[in-house]
């Protein structure tokens, strides 16, 4: 069963390589079976060809899964590339990341494993803009009072203020008194790893304006999903939405109005309906006929990609 990420920062993965396996960095779960990371995370120095295993900080059961490399780009002469796409044998026990395009001067936080520290640590930084057109990297400046983004953070998801992933840590550098880091933005992944995009990892688009009739049709489609018919389970669905989406959902006693209110609230956020759909599908089952009808209707309105 999929965990709903109590940290509020979905999509974090911990990567191990070597024999015996040791933590080499992090990755971003972009779809139930797909993880993006850095090439150098799965090819660390002084370690030969090795199995790659994955676990997830938000999984209370600490499931460990093997991973297969399906696409990778070694570091090129100009320090570009350095990406890899991994595939799991079955869906991860946690929800995927919510991706968004990066923007300048965004306050972000990153969870990494300096010194192969199992528990990991959070670091805070500000995205200060593109530094190189070839790599597409954005500079990350450490926030005052934060631990530095250092070795062990490679491949880690970079979360913005509303817990959307805007990139992953790609590199760090040191000189006296300073440590600086760079991230590879989500939009760079689309160009570098087309398989990632093909498997559902698409940056958020602006929310769409729907008519009253369309919102009503979506609320009726939700009503057909058993998990949405019961007020208690409906509250569980809302509780598992992203915090900023959950806080906007009004509470009503009438079931029909309640579902309309949920629809009206979530579509105000980029990929808000996608977030709702993923929670409903995780709880009710993606193969449910009612969930399939809801998905098809949402696709027809432009609320979901047809790969989700």
C-alpha atoms as a PDB file:
ATOM      1  CA  UNK A   1       0.000   0.000   0.000  1.00  0.00           C
ATOM      2  CA  UNK A   2       1.263   3.467  -0.840  1.00  0.00           C
ATOM      3  CA  UNK A   3       2.394   5.630   2.073  1.00  0.00           C
ATOM      4  CA  UNK A   4       1.188   9.226   1.949  1.00  0.00           C
ATOM      5  CA  UNK A   5       4.464  10.786   3.065  1.00  0.00           C
ATOM      6  CA  UNK A   6       3.998  12.299   6.515  1.00  0.00           C
ATOM      7  CA  UNK A   7       7.014  14.554   5.868  1.00  0.00           C
ATOM      8  CA  UNK A   8       4.986  16.494   3.307  1.00  0.00           C
ATOM      9  CA  UNK A   9       7.908  16.135   0.881  1.00  0.00           C
ATOM     10  CA  UNK A  10       6.953  13.217  -1.399  1.00  0.00           C
ATOM     11  CA  UNK A  11       9.254  11.423  -3.808  1.00  0.00           C
ATOM     12  CA  UNK A  12      12.462  11.112  -1.731  1.00  0.00           C
ATOM     13  CA  UNK A  13      14.553   7.991  -2.406  1.00  0.00           C
ATOM     14  CA  UNK A  14      17.772   6.708  -0.803  1.00  0.00           C
ATOM     15  CA  UNK A  15      20.235   4.933  -3.134  1.00  0.00           C
ATOM     16  CA  UNK A  16      22.813   2.293  -2.216  1.00  0.00           C
ATOM     17  CA  UNK A  17      25.509   0.679  -4.345  1.00  0.00           C
ATOM     18  CA  UNK A  18      28.499  -1.561  -3.717  1.00  0.00           C
ATOM     19  CA  UNK A  19      29.052  -4.860  -1.957  1.00  0.00           C
ATOM     20  CA  UNK A  20      28.078  -4.578   0.818  1.00  0.00           C
ATOM     21  CA  UNK A  21      25.630  -1.829  -0.212  1.00  0.00           C
ATOM     22  CA  UNK A  22      26.432   1.668   1.061  1.00  0.00           C
ATOM     23  CA  UNK A  23      24.492   4.914   0.694  1.00  0.00           C
ATOM     24  CA  UNK A  24      25.850   6.740  -2.349  1.00  0.00           C
ATOM     25  CA  UNK A  25      23.278   9.511  -2.625  1.00  0.00           C
ATOM     26  CA  UNK A  26      19.620  10.162  -3.281  1.00  0.00           C
ATOM     27  CA  UNK A  27      17.061  10.079  -6.061  1.00  0.00           C
ATOM     28  CA  UNK A  28      13.649  11.456  -7.022  1.00  0.00           C
ATOM     29  CA  UNK A  29      10.670   9.127  -7.429  1.00  0.00           C
ATOM     30  CA  UNK A  30       8.936  10.671 -10.473  1.00  0.00           C
ATOM     31  CA  UNK A  31       6.431   7.879 -11.152  1.00  0.00           C
ATOM     32  CA  UNK A  32       5.459   4.742  -9.199  1.00  0.00           C
ATOM     33  CA  UNK A  33       8.343   2.732 -10.717  1.00  0.00           C
ATOM     34  CA  UNK A  34      10.723   5.429 -12.017  1.00  0.00           C
ATOM     35  CA  UNK A  35      13.536   7.280 -10.221  1.00  0.00           C
ATOM     36  CA  UNK A  36      15.791  10.026 -11.547  1.00  0.00           C
ATOM     37  CA  UNK A  37      19.248  10.477 -10.033  1.00  0.00           C
ATOM     38  CA  UNK A  38      22.782  11.527 -11.000  1.00  0.00           C
ATOM     39  CA  UNK A  39      24.959   9.221 -13.064  1.00  0.00           C
ATOM     40  CA  UNK A  40      27.780   9.566 -10.530  1.00  0.00           C
ATOM     41  CA  UNK A  41      25.477   8.365  -7.721  1.00  0.00           C
ATOM     42  CA  UNK A  42      25.164   4.923  -9.315  1.00  0.00           C
ATOM     43  CA  UNK A  43      28.816   4.960 -10.459  1.00  0.00           C
ATOM     44  CA  UNK A  44      30.708   6.204  -7.379  1.00  0.00           C
ATOM     45  CA  UNK A  45      34.542   6.355  -7.452  1.00  0.00           C
ATOM     46  CA  UNK A  46      36.417   3.126  -6.658  1.00  0.00           C
ATOM     47  CA  UNK A  47      33.280   0.996  -6.962  1.00  0.00           C
ATOM     48  CA  UNK A  48      32.973  -1.354  -9.930  1.00  0.00           C
ATOM     49  CA  UNK A  49      29.770  -2.485 -11.649  1.00  0.00           C
ATOM     50  CA  UNK A  50      27.366  -3.012  -8.791  1.00  0.00           C
ATOM     51  CA  UNK A  51      23.744  -3.681  -7.982  1.00  0.00           C
ATOM     52  CA  UNK A  52      21.620  -0.640  -7.143  1.00  0.00           C
ATOM     53  CA  UNK A  53      19.072  -0.817  -4.333  1.00  0.00           C
ATOM     54  CA  UNK A  54      16.519   1.761  -3.264  1.00  0.00           C
ATOM     55  CA  UNK A  55      14.610   2.509  -0.095  1.00  0.00           C
ATOM     56  CA  UNK A  56      12.423   5.416   0.945  1.00  0.00           C
ATOM     57  CA  UNK A  57      12.664   7.665   4.038  1.00  0.00           C
ATOM     58  CA  UNK A  58       8.866   8.022   4.136  1.00  0.00           C
ATOM     59  CA  UNK A  59       8.214   4.275   4.105  1.00  0.00           C
ATOM     60  CA  UNK A  60       7.564   3.117   7.665  1.00  0.00           C
ATOM     61  CA  UNK A  61       8.113  -0.475   6.515  1.00  0.00           C
ATOM     62  CA  UNK A  62      11.599   0.371   5.155  1.00  0.00           C
ATOM     63  CA  UNK A  63      11.051  -1.608   1.955  1.00  0.00           C
ATOM     64  CA  UNK A  64      14.229  -2.120  -0.082  1.00  0.00           C
ATOM     65  CA  UNK A  65      13.862  -2.655  -3.822  1.00  0.00           C
ATOM     66  CA  UNK A  66      16.400  -3.477  -6.538  1.00  0.00           C
ATOM     67  CA  UNK A  67      16.626  -0.977  -9.380  1.00  0.00           C
ATOM     68  CA  UNK A  68      17.516  -1.403 -13.038  1.00  0.00           C
ATOM     69  CA  UNK A  69      19.255   1.363 -15.016  1.00  0.00           C
ATOM     70  CA  UNK A  70      17.087   2.037 -18.089  1.00  0.00           C
ATOM     71  CA  UNK A  71      18.781   5.214 -19.318  1.00  0.00           C
ATOM     72  CA  UNK A  72      21.900   7.093 -18.258  1.00  0.00           C
ATOM     73  CA  UNK A  73      24.138   9.937 -19.377  1.00  0.00           C
ATOM     74  CA  UNK A  74      27.741   9.921 -18.113  1.00  0.00           C
ATOM     75  CA  UNK A  75      29.452  13.214 -17.299  1.00  0.00           C
ATOM     76  CA  UNK A  76      30.706  14.772 -20.557  1.00  0.00           C
ATOM     77  CA  UNK A  77      33.804  16.884 -21.209  1.00  0.00           C
ATOM     78  CA  UNK A  78      31.963  20.090 -20.294  1.00  0.00           C
ATOM     79  CA  UNK A  79      30.534  18.550 -17.099  1.00  0.00           C
ATOM     80  CA  UNK A  80      27.090  18.111 -18.614  1.00  0.00           C
ATOM     81  CA  UNK A  81      25.036  14.924 -18.614  1.00  0.00           C
ATOM     82  CA  UNK A  82      25.340  13.170 -15.245  1.00  0.00           C
ATOM     83  CA  UNK A  83      21.791  11.800 -15.164  1.00  0.00           C
ATOM     84  CA  UNK A  84      20.274   8.360 -14.847  1.00  0.00           C
ATOM     85  CA  UNK A  85      16.777   6.911 -14.947  1.00  0.00           C
ATOM     86  CA  UNK A  86      16.139   3.853 -12.770  1.00  0.00           C
ATOM     87  CA  UNK A  87      13.221   1.430 -12.864  1.00  0.00           C
ATOM     88  CA  UNK A  88      11.810  -0.544  -9.943  1.00  0.00           C
ATOM     89  CA  UNK A  89      10.355  -4.061 -10.329  1.00  0.00           C
ATOM     90  CA  UNK A  90       7.089  -2.954  -8.717  1.00  0.00           C
ATOM     91  CA  UNK A  91       5.504   0.343  -7.617  1.00  0.00           C
ATOM     92  CA  UNK A  92       7.227   2.124  -4.755  1.00  0.00           C
ATOM     93  CA  UNK A  93       5.489   2.100  -1.345  1.00  0.00           C
ATOM     94  CA  UNK A  94       5.378   5.926  -1.300  1.00  0.00           C
ATOM     95  CA  UNK A  95       3.818   8.595  -3.495  1.00  0.00           C
ATOM     96  CA  UNK A  96       5.849  10.139  -6.346  1.00  0.00           C
ATOM     97  CA  UNK A  97       7.137  13.699  -6.291  1.00  0.00           C
ATOM     98  CA  UNK A  98       5.054  16.589  -7.566  1.00  0.00           C
ATOM     99  CA  UNK A  99       7.235  18.289 -10.177  1.00  0.00           C
ATOM    100  CA  UNK A 100       7.352  21.982 -11.069  1.00  0.00           C
ATOM    101  CA  UNK A 101       9.492  24.249 -13.192  1.00  0.00           C
ATOM    102  CA  UNK A 102      12.117  26.177 -11.256  1.00  0.00           C
ATOM    103  CA  UNK A 103      12.208  29.936 -10.962  1.00  0.00           C
ATOM    104  CA  UNK A 104      14.823  32.362  -9.756  1.00  0.00           C
ATOM    105  CA  UNK A 105      15.091  33.346  -6.069  1.00  0.00           C
ATOM    106  CA  UNK A 106      13.074  30.412  -4.761  1.00  0.00           C
ATOM    107  CA  UNK A 107      13.667  29.287  -1.197  1.00  0.00           C
ATOM    108  CA  UNK A 108      14.174  25.517  -1.236  1.00  0.00           C
ATOM    109  CA  UNK A 109      15.080  22.635   1.036  1.00  0.00           C
ATOM    110  CA  UNK A 110      16.958  19.439   0.282  1.00  0.00           C
ATOM    111  CA  UNK A 111      17.253  16.103   2.111  1.00  0.00           C
ATOM    112  CA  UNK A 112      20.620  14.335   1.751  1.00  0.00           C
ATOM    113  CA  UNK A 113      22.991  11.823   3.311  1.00  0.00           C
ATOM    114  CA  UNK A 114      26.338  13.489   4.074  1.00  0.00           C
ATOM    115  CA  UNK A 115      28.926  10.942   5.153  1.00  0.00           C
ATOM    116  CA  UNK A 116      26.461   8.161   4.196  1.00  0.00           C
ATOM    117  CA  UNK A 117      24.421   9.145   7.271  1.00  0.00           C
ATOM    118  CA  UNK A 118      21.422   6.781   7.239  1.00  0.00           C
ATOM    119  CA  UNK A 119      18.939   9.137   8.881  1.00  0.00           C
ATOM    120  CA  UNK A 120      19.801  12.007   6.518  1.00  0.00           C
ATOM    121  CA  UNK A 121      19.554  15.743   7.145  1.00  0.00           C
ATOM    122  CA  UNK A 122      17.645  18.708   5.748  1.00  0.00           C
ATOM    123  CA  UNK A 123      19.474  21.674   4.260  1.00  0.00           C
ATOM    124  CA  UNK A 124      18.003  25.009   3.172  1.00  0.00           C
ATOM    125  CA  UNK A 125      19.074  27.150   0.220  1.00  0.00           C
ATOM    126  CA  UNK A 126      17.969  29.728  -2.329  1.00  0.00           C
ATOM    127  CA  UNK A 127      17.928  29.117  -6.082  1.00  0.00           C
ATOM    128  CA  UNK A 128      19.844  32.064  -7.561  1.00  0.00           C
ATOM    129  CA  UNK A 129      19.652  31.425 -11.295  1.00  0.00           C
ATOM    130  CA  UNK A 130      21.208  29.577 -14.222  1.00  0.00           C
ATOM    131  CA  UNK A 131      25.007  29.485 -14.184  1.00  0.00           C
ATOM    132  CA  UNK A 132      25.757  27.542 -17.368  1.00  0.00           C
ATOM    133  CA  UNK A 133      23.737  27.087 -20.550  1.00  0.00           C
ATOM    134  CA  UNK A 134      25.366  23.756 -21.419  1.00  0.00           C
ATOM    135  CA  UNK A 135      24.495  22.008 -18.163  1.00  0.00           C
ATOM    136  CA  UNK A 136      21.385  24.063 -17.413  1.00  0.00           C
ATOM    137  CA  UNK A 137      22.411  23.999 -13.754  1.00  0.00           C
ATOM    138  CA  UNK A 138      21.009  26.495 -11.267  1.00  0.00           C
ATOM    139  CA  UNK A 139      23.102  27.709  -8.355  1.00  0.00           C
ATOM    140  CA  UNK A 140      21.992  26.911  -4.788  1.00  0.00           C
ATOM    141  CA  UNK A 141      23.150  29.366  -2.110  1.00  0.00           C
ATOM    142  CA  UNK A 142      23.042  28.088   1.462  1.00  0.00           C
ATOM    143  CA  UNK A 143      20.610  29.833   3.812  1.00  0.00           C
ATOM    144  CA  UNK A 144      22.021  31.269   7.015  1.00  0.00           C
ATOM    145  CA  UNK A 145      21.947  28.708   9.828  1.00  0.00           C
ATOM    146  CA  UNK A 146      21.581  25.721   7.501  1.00  0.00           C
ATOM    147  CA  UNK A 147      23.936  22.799   7.089  1.00  0.00           C
ATOM    148  CA  UNK A 148      25.708  22.962   3.708  1.00  0.00           C
ATOM    149  CA  UNK A 149      24.545  20.971   0.709  1.00  0.00           C
ATOM    150  CA  UNK A 150      27.594  18.733   0.408  1.00  0.00           C
ATOM    151  CA  UNK A 151      28.688  15.287  -0.743  1.00  0.00           C
ATOM    152  CA  UNK A 152      25.914  12.810  -0.018  1.00  0.00           C
ATOM    153  CA  UNK A 153      23.227  15.168  -1.367  1.00  0.00           C
ATOM    154  CA  UNK A 154      23.807  14.235  -5.015  1.00  0.00           C
ATOM    155  CA  UNK A 155      20.569  13.243  -6.722  1.00  0.00           C
ATOM    156  CA  UNK A 156      18.471  14.663  -3.885  1.00  0.00           C
ATOM    157  CA  UNK A 157      15.124  16.289  -4.652  1.00  0.00           C
ATOM    158  CA  UNK A 158      15.060  20.089  -4.328  1.00  0.00           C
ATOM    159  CA  UNK A 159      11.698  21.109  -2.807  1.00  0.00           C
ATOM    160  CA  UNK A 160      10.176  24.570  -3.166  1.00  0.00           C
ATOM    161  CA  UNK A 161       7.964  26.321  -0.592  1.00  0.00           C
ATOM    162  CA  UNK A 162       4.904  24.192  -1.429  1.00  0.00           C
ATOM    163  CA  UNK A 163       6.818  20.874  -1.603  1.00  0.00           C
ATOM    164  CA  UNK A 164       6.990  20.683  -5.385  1.00  0.00           C
ATOM    165  CA  UNK A 165      10.268  19.300  -6.705  1.00  0.00           C
ATOM    166  CA  UNK A 166      12.020  21.861  -8.921  1.00  0.00           C
ATOM    167  CA  UNK A 167      15.271  19.938  -9.481  1.00  0.00           C
ATOM    168  CA  UNK A 168      17.856  17.578  -8.045  1.00  0.00           C
ATOM    169  CA  UNK A 169      21.283  18.305  -6.591  1.00  0.00           C
ATOM    170  CA  UNK A 170      23.932  17.740  -9.277  1.00  0.00           C
ATOM    171  CA  UNK A 171      27.268  18.974  -7.882  1.00  0.00           C
ATOM    172  CA  UNK A 172      29.051  20.738  -5.034  1.00  0.00           C
ATOM    173  CA  UNK A 173      32.350  22.611  -4.811  1.00  0.00           C
ATOM    174  CA  UNK A 174      34.532  23.889  -1.980  1.00  0.00           C
ATOM    175  CA  UNK A 175      37.008  26.664  -1.498  1.00  0.00           C
ATOM    176  CA  UNK A 176      38.215  28.317   1.735  1.00  0.00           C
ATOM    177  CA  UNK A 177      35.216  29.389   3.758  1.00  0.00           C
ATOM    178  CA  UNK A 178      32.644  28.479   1.114  1.00  0.00           C
ATOM    179  CA  UNK A 179      30.604  25.541  -0.160  1.00  0.00           C
ATOM    180  CA  UNK A 180      28.389  26.016  -3.186  1.00  0.00           C
ATOM    181  CA  UNK A 181      25.975  23.588  -4.816  1.00  0.00           C
ATOM    182  CA  UNK A 182      24.130  23.340  -8.097  1.00  0.00           C
ATOM    183  CA  UNK A 183      20.918  21.633  -9.124  1.00  0.00           C
ATOM    184  CA  UNK A 184      19.724  20.168 -12.402  1.00  0.00           C
ATOM    185  CA  UNK A 185      16.209  21.628 -12.925  1.00  0.00           C
ATOM    186  CA  UNK A 186      13.198  19.488 -13.764  1.00  0.00           C
ATOM    187  CA  UNK A 187      12.855  20.997 -17.243  1.00  0.00           C
ATOM    188  CA  UNK A 188      16.376  19.746 -17.996  1.00  0.00           C
ATOM    189  CA  UNK A 189      15.249  16.178 -17.301  1.00  0.00           C
ATOM    190  CA  UNK A 190      12.683  16.376 -20.120  1.00  0.00           C
ATOM    191  CA  UNK A 191      15.380  17.022 -22.685  1.00  0.00           C
ATOM    192  CA  UNK A 192      18.036  14.714 -21.225  1.00  0.00           C
ATOM    193  CA  UNK A 193      15.918  11.696 -20.282  1.00  0.00           C
ATOM    194  CA  UNK A 194      12.899  11.438 -22.598  1.00  0.00           C
ATOM    195  CA  UNK A 195      11.937   8.154 -20.955  1.00  0.00           C
ATOM    196  CA  UNK A 196      11.288  10.077 -17.749  1.00  0.00           C
ATOM    197  CA  UNK A 197       8.729  12.307 -19.441  1.00  0.00           C
ATOM    198  CA  UNK A 198       7.159   9.307 -21.147  1.00  0.00           C
ATOM    199  CA  UNK A 199       6.443   7.743 -17.757  1.00  0.00           C
ATOM    200  CA  UNK A 200       4.461  10.546 -16.201  1.00  0.00           C
ATOM    201  CA  UNK A 201       7.038  13.003 -14.863  1.00  0.00           C
ATOM    202  CA  UNK A 202       5.727  16.252 -16.240  1.00  0.00           C
ATOM    203  CA  UNK A 203       6.224  19.692 -14.670  1.00  0.00           C
ATOM    204  CA  UNK A 204       3.092  21.414 -13.424  1.00  0.00           C
ATOM    205  CA  UNK A 205       1.074  23.526 -15.819  1.00  0.00           C
ATOM    206  CA  UNK A 206      -1.063  26.490 -14.854  1.00  0.00           C
ATOM    207  CA  UNK A 207      -4.496  25.550 -13.451  1.00  0.00           C
ATOM    208  CA  UNK A 208      -7.353  25.451 -15.961  1.00  0.00           C
ATOM    209  CA  UNK A 209     -10.669  27.292 -15.768  1.00  0.00           C
ATOM    210  CA  UNK A 210     -13.557  24.838 -15.810  1.00  0.00           C
ATOM    211  CA  UNK A 211     -17.261  25.532 -16.263  1.00  0.00           C
ATOM    212  CA  UNK A 212     -19.821  24.805 -13.555  1.00  0.00           C
ATOM    213  CA  UNK A 213     -21.050  21.824 -15.603  1.00  0.00           C
ATOM    214  CA  UNK A 214     -17.541  20.374 -15.842  1.00  0.00           C
ATOM    215  CA  UNK A 215     -16.964  20.744 -12.095  1.00  0.00           C
ATOM    216  CA  UNK A 216     -20.327  19.117 -11.438  1.00  0.00           C
ATOM    217  CA  UNK A 217     -19.460  16.212 -13.758  1.00  0.00           C
ATOM    218  CA  UNK A 218     -16.167  15.680 -11.921  1.00  0.00           C
ATOM    219  CA  UNK A 219     -17.909  15.745  -8.522  1.00  0.00           C
ATOM    220  CA  UNK A 220     -20.414  13.130  -9.746  1.00  0.00           C
ATOM    221  CA  UNK A 221     -17.573  10.965 -11.071  1.00  0.00           C
ATOM    222  CA  UNK A 222     -15.896  11.236  -7.655  1.00  0.00           C
ATOM    223  CA  UNK A 223     -19.165  10.211  -5.989  1.00  0.00           C
ATOM    224  CA  UNK A 224     -19.056   6.931  -7.938  1.00  0.00           C
ATOM    225  CA  UNK A 225     -15.724   5.985  -6.334  1.00  0.00           C
ATOM    226  CA  UNK A 226     -16.558   4.040  -3.147  1.00  0.00           C
ATOM    227  CA  UNK A 227     -13.786   5.669  -1.103  1.00  0.00           C
ATOM    228  CA  UNK A 228     -15.399   9.075  -1.793  1.00  0.00           C
ATOM    229  CA  UNK A 229     -18.914   7.985  -0.882  1.00  0.00           C
ATOM    230  CA  UNK A 230     -18.217   7.624   2.840  1.00  0.00           C
ATOM    231  CA  UNK A 231     -17.576  10.886   4.765  1.00  0.00           C
ATOM    232  CA  UNK A 232     -14.859   9.277   6.919  1.00  0.00           C
ATOM    233  CA  UNK A 233     -12.848   7.900   4.003  1.00  0.00           C
ATOM    234  CA  UNK A 234     -13.441  11.160   2.111  1.00  0.00           C
ATOM    235  CA  UNK A 235     -11.767  13.027   4.965  1.00  0.00           C
ATOM    236  CA  UNK A 236      -8.839  10.598   4.696  1.00  0.00           C
ATOM    237  CA  UNK A 237      -8.484  11.473   1.003  1.00  0.00           C
ATOM    238  CA  UNK A 238      -8.454  15.198   1.767  1.00  0.00           C
ATOM    239  CA  UNK A 239      -5.975  14.693   4.624  1.00  0.00           C
ATOM    240  CA  UNK A 240      -3.534  13.025   2.210  1.00  0.00           C
ATOM    241  CA  UNK A 241      -3.534  15.887  -0.288  1.00  0.00           C
ATOM    242  CA  UNK A 242      -0.589  18.278  -0.457  1.00  0.00           C
ATOM    243  CA  UNK A 243      -0.762  20.664   2.541  1.00  0.00           C
ATOM    244  CA  UNK A 244      -1.499  23.780   0.488  1.00  0.00           C
ATOM    245  CA  UNK A 245      -4.293  21.991  -1.392  1.00  0.00           C
ATOM    246  CA  UNK A 246      -5.742  20.346   1.712  1.00  0.00           C
ATOM    247  CA  UNK A 247      -5.984  23.687   3.510  1.00  0.00           C
ATOM    248  CA  UNK A 248      -8.148  25.147   0.750  1.00  0.00           C
ATOM    249  CA  UNK A 249     -10.825  22.414   0.806  1.00  0.00           C
ATOM    250  CA  UNK A 250     -14.027  23.613   2.545  1.00  0.00           C
ATOM    251  CA  UNK A 251     -16.058  21.396   4.876  1.00  0.00           C
ATOM    252  CA  UNK A 252     -19.737  20.810   4.143  1.00  0.00           C
ATOM    253  CA  UNK A 253     -22.173  18.279   5.520  1.00  0.00           C
ATOM    254  CA  UNK A 254     -24.003  17.591   2.265  1.00  0.00           C
ATOM    255  CA  UNK A 255     -22.093  14.987   0.287  1.00  0.00           C
ATOM    256  CA  UNK A 256     -22.759  16.479  -3.146  1.00  0.00           C
ATOM    257  CA  UNK A 257     -21.745  19.986  -2.129  1.00  0.00           C
ATOM    258  CA  UNK A 258     -18.719  18.560  -0.306  1.00  0.00           C
ATOM    259  CA  UNK A 259     -17.451  16.820  -3.456  1.00  0.00           C
ATOM    260  CA  UNK A 260     -18.092  19.896  -5.586  1.00  0.00           C
ATOM    261  CA  UNK A 261     -16.165  21.931  -3.032  1.00  0.00           C
ATOM    262  CA  UNK A 262     -13.250  19.491  -3.210  1.00  0.00           C
ATOM    263  CA  UNK A 263     -13.150  19.754  -7.008  1.00  0.00           C
ATOM    264  CA  UNK A 264     -13.483  23.527  -6.969  1.00  0.00           C
ATOM    265  CA  UNK A 265     -10.629  23.807  -4.441  1.00  0.00           C
ATOM    266  CA  UNK A 266      -8.083  21.438  -5.978  1.00  0.00           C
ATOM    267  CA  UNK A 267      -8.308  22.819  -9.521  1.00  0.00           C
ATOM    268  CA  UNK A 268      -7.081  26.183  -8.252  1.00  0.00           C
ATOM    269  CA  UNK A 269      -3.597  24.640  -7.868  1.00  0.00           C
ATOM    270  CA  UNK A 270      -1.202  23.487 -10.591  1.00  0.00           C
ATOM    271  CA  UNK A 271      -1.699  19.717 -10.794  1.00  0.00           C
ATOM    272  CA  UNK A 272      -4.116  19.948  -7.863  1.00  0.00           C
ATOM    273  CA  UNK A 273      -6.544  17.550  -9.494  1.00  0.00           C
ATOM    274  CA  UNK A 274      -3.623  15.269 -10.343  1.00  0.00           C
ATOM    275  CA  UNK A 275      -2.775  15.198  -6.638  1.00  0.00           C
ATOM    276  CA  UNK A 276      -6.398  14.319  -5.792  1.00  0.00           C
ATOM    277  CA  UNK A 277      -6.514  11.623  -8.469  1.00  0.00           C
ATOM    278  CA  UNK A 278      -3.302   9.963  -7.264  1.00  0.00           C
ATOM    279  CA  UNK A 279      -4.585   9.790  -3.683  1.00  0.00           C
ATOM    280  CA  UNK A 280      -7.974   8.410  -4.772  1.00  0.00           C
ATOM    281  CA  UNK A 281      -6.314   5.864  -7.067  1.00  0.00           C
ATOM    282  CA  UNK A 282      -3.937   4.759  -4.303  1.00  0.00           C
ATOM    283  CA  UNK A 283      -6.807   4.186  -1.880  1.00  0.00           C
ATOM    284  CA  UNK A 284      -9.444   2.817  -4.265  1.00  0.00           C
ATOM    285  CA  UNK A 285      -7.172   1.012  -6.733  1.00  0.00           C
ATOM    286  CA  UNK A 286      -6.053   2.265 -10.113  1.00  0.00           C
ATOM    287  CA  UNK A 287      -7.881  -0.626 -11.828  1.00  0.00           C
ATOM    288  CA  UNK A 288     -11.256   0.328 -10.353  1.00  0.00           C
ATOM    289  CA  UNK A 289     -13.831   1.028 -13.075  1.00  0.00           C
ATOM    290  CA  UNK A 290     -14.977   4.178 -11.244  1.00  0.00           C
ATOM    291  CA  UNK A 291     -11.391   5.426 -10.953  1.00  0.00           C
ATOM    292  CA  UNK A 292     -10.872   4.760 -14.674  1.00  0.00           C
ATOM    293  CA  UNK A 293     -13.989   6.809 -15.528  1.00  0.00           C
ATOM    294  CA  UNK A 294     -12.772   9.630 -13.303  1.00  0.00           C
ATOM    295  CA  UNK A 295      -9.351   9.513 -14.978  1.00  0.00           C
ATOM    296  CA  UNK A 296     -10.824   9.569 -18.502  1.00  0.00           C
ATOM    297  CA  UNK A 297     -13.050  12.526 -17.663  1.00  0.00           C
ATOM    298  CA  UNK A 298     -10.160  14.447 -16.108  1.00  0.00           C
ATOM    299  CA  UNK A 299      -7.986  13.744 -19.169  1.00  0.00           C
ATOM    300  CA  UNK A 300     -10.741  15.086 -21.446  1.00  0.00           C
ATOM    301  CA  UNK A 301     -10.742  18.327 -19.423  1.00  0.00           C
ATOM    302  CA  UNK A 302      -6.952  18.648 -19.573  1.00  0.00           C
ATOM    303  CA  UNK A 303      -6.515  18.008 -15.832  1.00  0.00           C
ATOM    304  CA  UNK A 304      -4.430  14.846 -16.249  1.00  0.00           C
ATOM    305  CA  UNK A 305      -1.910  13.600 -18.760  1.00  0.00           C
ATOM    306  CA  UNK A 306      -3.004  10.352 -20.377  1.00  0.00           C
ATOM    307  CA  UNK A 307       0.048   8.601 -18.824  1.00  0.00           C
ATOM    308  CA  UNK A 308      -0.981   9.154 -15.178  1.00  0.00           C
END
